[in-house]
């Protein structure tokens, strides 16, 4: 073998080795990018707080009185859901626990959906802009599923409600302030 052939053989060997190392490195980075963040599945979906020092009035009766009564008319199922019920509930930062203050809202939807079995809803989970895309999609899904689980515990059929996550993709409010973030950490009730 002459020196020119030896040099070109070593160059092609180096090029092949470099290409293999590059492909292995790229595939490793690609696989690492596909990994997801595990959320805590063991946390309860509904927050339970005991109000101490109450003056004899239960907190559930106070909360229930803040929601307008639901009139369920089988002929106007769509209007029944709009009868004073909020279409949004909000969550704390990095949490999918339904707060006590929103139990009356869930009770109202539970009453309507158990009365009108043909009515179906999407529960859309949303997050603020903080956190990675995959994490926010997973957190939004957990928020939507927590609402669905709460409704099914109230007697709503699982066929009537479907959890969907949009993560940070559809903010209710734009901006990078605590007020904007708080409005974006939500679950919305949408007709389907």
Protein backbone atom coordinates (compact mmCIF):
# COMPACT_ATOMS: atom_id res chain seq x y z
CA UNK A 1 0.00 0.00 0.00
CA UNK A 2 1.45 3.38 -0.94
CA UNK A 3 1.37 6.40 1.42
CA UNK A 4 -1.51 8.09 -0.43
CA UNK A 5 -3.74 5.02 -0.12
CA UNK A 6 -2.79 4.67 3.55
CA UNK A 7 -3.72 8.31 4.23
CA UNK A 8 -7.08 8.06 2.43
CA UNK A 9 -7.87 4.79 4.26
CA UNK A 10 -7.15 6.38 7.64
CA UNK A 11 -9.25 9.43 6.69
CA UNK A 12 -12.21 7.24 5.72
CA UNK A 13 -11.80 5.17 8.90
CA UNK A 14 -11.77 8.36 10.96
CA UNK A 15 -14.79 9.71 9.09
CA UNK A 16 -16.71 6.49 9.70
CA UNK A 17 -15.79 6.48 13.40
CA UNK A 18 -16.76 10.14 13.71
CA UNK A 19 -20.09 9.48 11.96
CA UNK A 20 -20.85 6.52 14.25
CA UNK A 21 -20.00 8.52 17.38
CA UNK A 22 -22.13 11.41 16.11
CA UNK A 23 -25.10 9.15 15.39
CA UNK A 24 -24.85 7.48 18.79
CA UNK A 25 -24.64 10.88 20.51
CA UNK A 26 -27.56 12.29 18.51
CA UNK A 27 -29.75 9.27 19.21
CA UNK A 28 -28.91 9.46 22.92
CA UNK A 29 -29.91 13.14 23.03
CA UNK A 30 -33.07 12.39 21.06
CA UNK A 31 -34.09 9.61 23.47
CA UNK A 32 -33.37 11.84 26.48
CA UNK A 33 -35.58 14.54 24.95
CA UNK A 34 -38.45 12.06 24.65
CA UNK A 35 -38.48 11.24 28.34
CA UNK A 36 -41.33 12.65 30.40
CA UNK A 37 -41.76 13.99 33.89
CA UNK A 38 -43.69 11.74 36.31
CA UNK A 39 -46.38 13.52 38.29
CA UNK A 40 -47.40 12.25 41.71
CA UNK A 41 -50.43 9.99 41.11
CA UNK A 42 -50.89 9.36 44.83
CA UNK A 43 -51.98 12.90 45.71
CA UNK A 44 -55.71 13.20 46.36
CA UNK A 45 -57.65 14.95 43.58
CA UNK A 46 -59.78 16.96 46.02
CA UNK A 47 -58.43 19.22 48.72
CA UNK A 48 -59.83 18.55 52.18
CA UNK A 49 -59.63 21.42 54.63
CA UNK A 50 -61.30 21.54 58.00
CA UNK A 51 -62.48 24.99 58.97
CA UNK A 52 -61.81 25.50 62.66
CA UNK A 53 -63.49 28.10 64.78
CA UNK A 54 -66.72 28.17 62.80
CA UNK A 55 -69.76 29.71 64.45
CA UNK A 56 -72.08 26.77 64.01
CA UNK A 57 -72.68 27.23 60.30
CA UNK A 58 -71.14 24.53 58.17
CA UNK A 59 -68.80 25.65 55.42
CA UNK A 60 -70.57 23.44 52.89
CA UNK A 61 -73.90 25.21 53.44
CA UNK A 62 -72.19 28.59 53.05
CA UNK A 63 -70.47 27.45 49.87
CA UNK A 64 -73.65 25.94 48.44
CA UNK A 65 -75.54 29.19 48.96
CA UNK A 66 -73.11 31.05 46.69
CA UNK A 67 -74.12 28.96 43.66
CA UNK A 68 -77.39 29.68 41.91
CA UNK A 69 -79.88 26.81 41.97
CA UNK A 70 -79.81 24.64 38.88
CA UNK A 71 -83.03 24.15 36.96
CA UNK A 72 -82.73 20.98 34.90
CA UNK A 73 -85.14 21.03 31.99
CA UNK A 74 -84.68 17.95 29.78
CA UNK A 75 -85.78 19.93 26.70
CA UNK A 76 -83.12 22.61 27.14
CA UNK A 77 -80.06 20.67 28.29
CA UNK A 78 -77.58 23.21 26.93
CA UNK A 79 -79.26 26.10 28.74
CA UNK A 80 -79.32 24.18 32.01
CA UNK A 81 -75.52 24.18 32.20
CA UNK A 82 -75.41 27.91 31.65
CA UNK A 83 -77.84 28.55 34.50
CA UNK A 84 -75.46 30.46 36.75
CA UNK A 85 -72.70 27.85 36.87
CA UNK A 86 -69.15 29.09 36.34
CA UNK A 87 -67.43 27.54 33.32
CA UNK A 88 -63.95 27.67 34.94
CA UNK A 89 -62.32 26.50 38.17
CA UNK A 90 -58.81 27.51 39.22
CA UNK A 91 -55.85 25.65 40.71
CA UNK A 92 -52.84 26.53 42.83
CA UNK A 93 -49.36 26.62 41.31
CA UNK A 94 -48.04 23.19 40.31
CA UNK A 95 -51.16 21.48 41.72
CA UNK A 96 -54.03 19.42 40.37
CA UNK A 97 -55.99 19.33 43.63
CA UNK A 98 -59.53 20.70 43.33
CA UNK A 99 -59.92 23.36 46.02
CA UNK A 100 -62.81 23.35 48.50
CA UNK A 101 -64.09 26.67 47.18
CA UNK A 102 -64.98 24.98 43.87
CA UNK A 103 -66.91 22.02 45.34
CA UNK A 104 -70.26 23.84 44.93
CA UNK A 105 -69.46 24.32 41.24
CA UNK A 106 -68.77 20.60 40.86
CA UNK A 107 -71.94 19.79 42.82
CA UNK A 108 -73.94 21.96 40.41
CA UNK A 109 -72.49 20.25 37.35
CA UNK A 110 -73.01 16.88 39.04
CA UNK A 111 -76.72 17.62 39.56
CA UNK A 112 -77.21 18.77 35.97
CA UNK A 113 -75.30 15.87 34.41
CA UNK A 114 -76.99 13.20 36.53
CA UNK A 115 -80.38 14.67 35.61
CA UNK A 116 -79.65 15.07 31.89
CA UNK A 117 -77.82 11.86 31.00
CA UNK A 118 -77.48 12.85 27.34
CA UNK A 119 -75.43 15.97 28.10
CA UNK A 120 -71.68 15.60 27.50
CA UNK A 121 -68.76 17.86 28.40
CA UNK A 122 -65.08 18.25 27.73
CA UNK A 123 -63.06 19.18 30.81
CA UNK A 124 -60.07 21.13 29.49
CA UNK A 125 -56.99 21.33 31.71
CA UNK A 126 -54.72 24.37 31.36
CA UNK A 127 -51.50 25.62 32.98
CA UNK A 128 -49.51 28.82 33.13
CA UNK A 129 -46.42 29.31 30.97
CA UNK A 130 -43.91 28.19 33.59
CA UNK A 131 -42.49 24.69 33.16
CA UNK A 132 -41.68 22.61 30.12
CA UNK A 133 -44.20 21.78 27.41
CA UNK A 134 -44.45 18.06 28.31
CA UNK A 135 -44.76 18.81 32.01
CA UNK A 136 -47.50 21.37 31.42
CA UNK A 137 -49.45 19.01 29.16
CA UNK A 138 -49.24 16.31 31.85
CA UNK A 139 -50.26 18.75 34.60
CA UNK A 140 -53.18 20.04 32.51
CA UNK A 141 -54.30 16.44 31.99
CA UNK A 142 -54.08 15.74 35.73
CA UNK A 143 -56.21 18.84 36.42
CA UNK A 144 -58.85 17.76 33.91
CA UNK A 145 -58.82 14.19 35.25
CA UNK A 146 -59.21 15.43 38.84
CA UNK A 147 -62.37 17.30 37.82
CA UNK A 148 -63.66 14.26 35.90
CA UNK A 149 -62.99 12.02 38.91
CA UNK A 150 -64.81 14.44 41.21
CA UNK A 151 -67.82 14.46 38.88
CA UNK A 152 -67.91 10.67 38.57
CA UNK A 153 -67.82 10.41 42.36
CA UNK A 154 -70.96 12.58 42.33
CA UNK A 155 -72.72 10.05 40.07
CA UNK A 156 -71.93 11.46 36.63
CA UNK A 157 -71.39 8.76 34.00
CA UNK A 158 -67.81 8.49 32.72
CA UNK A 159 -69.24 8.65 29.18
CA UNK A 160 -70.52 12.18 29.83
CA UNK A 161 -67.18 13.81 30.65
CA UNK A 162 -63.85 13.65 28.85
CA UNK A 163 -60.54 15.05 30.11
CA UNK A 164 -58.42 17.00 27.61
CA UNK A 165 -55.19 18.91 28.23
CA UNK A 166 -53.95 22.00 26.46
CA UNK A 167 -51.09 22.71 28.88
CA UNK A 168 -49.86 26.25 28.34
CA UNK A 169 -51.05 26.39 24.70
CA UNK A 170 -54.31 28.35 25.26
CA UNK A 171 -53.76 31.00 27.92
CA UNK A 172 -56.82 32.85 29.19
CA UNK A 173 -54.64 35.88 29.97
CA UNK A 174 -51.33 36.83 28.38
CA UNK A 175 -48.53 38.14 30.53
CA UNK A 176 -45.89 37.01 32.96
CA UNK A 177 -47.37 38.27 36.21
CA UNK A 178 -48.74 36.28 39.13
CA UNK A 179 -52.26 37.52 38.30
CA UNK A 180 -52.00 36.28 34.70
CA UNK A 181 -50.52 32.95 35.78
CA UNK A 182 -53.31 32.45 38.34
CA UNK A 183 -55.98 32.95 35.64
CA UNK A 184 -54.24 30.42 33.38
CA UNK A 185 -54.08 27.62 35.98
CA UNK A 186 -57.58 26.34 35.32
CA UNK A 187 -60.00 23.68 34.12
CA UNK A 188 -62.78 24.72 31.77
CA UNK A 189 -66.16 23.06 31.19
CA UNK A 190 -66.92 22.94 27.43
CA UNK A 191 -69.88 21.40 25.60
CA UNK A 192 -69.08 18.49 23.31
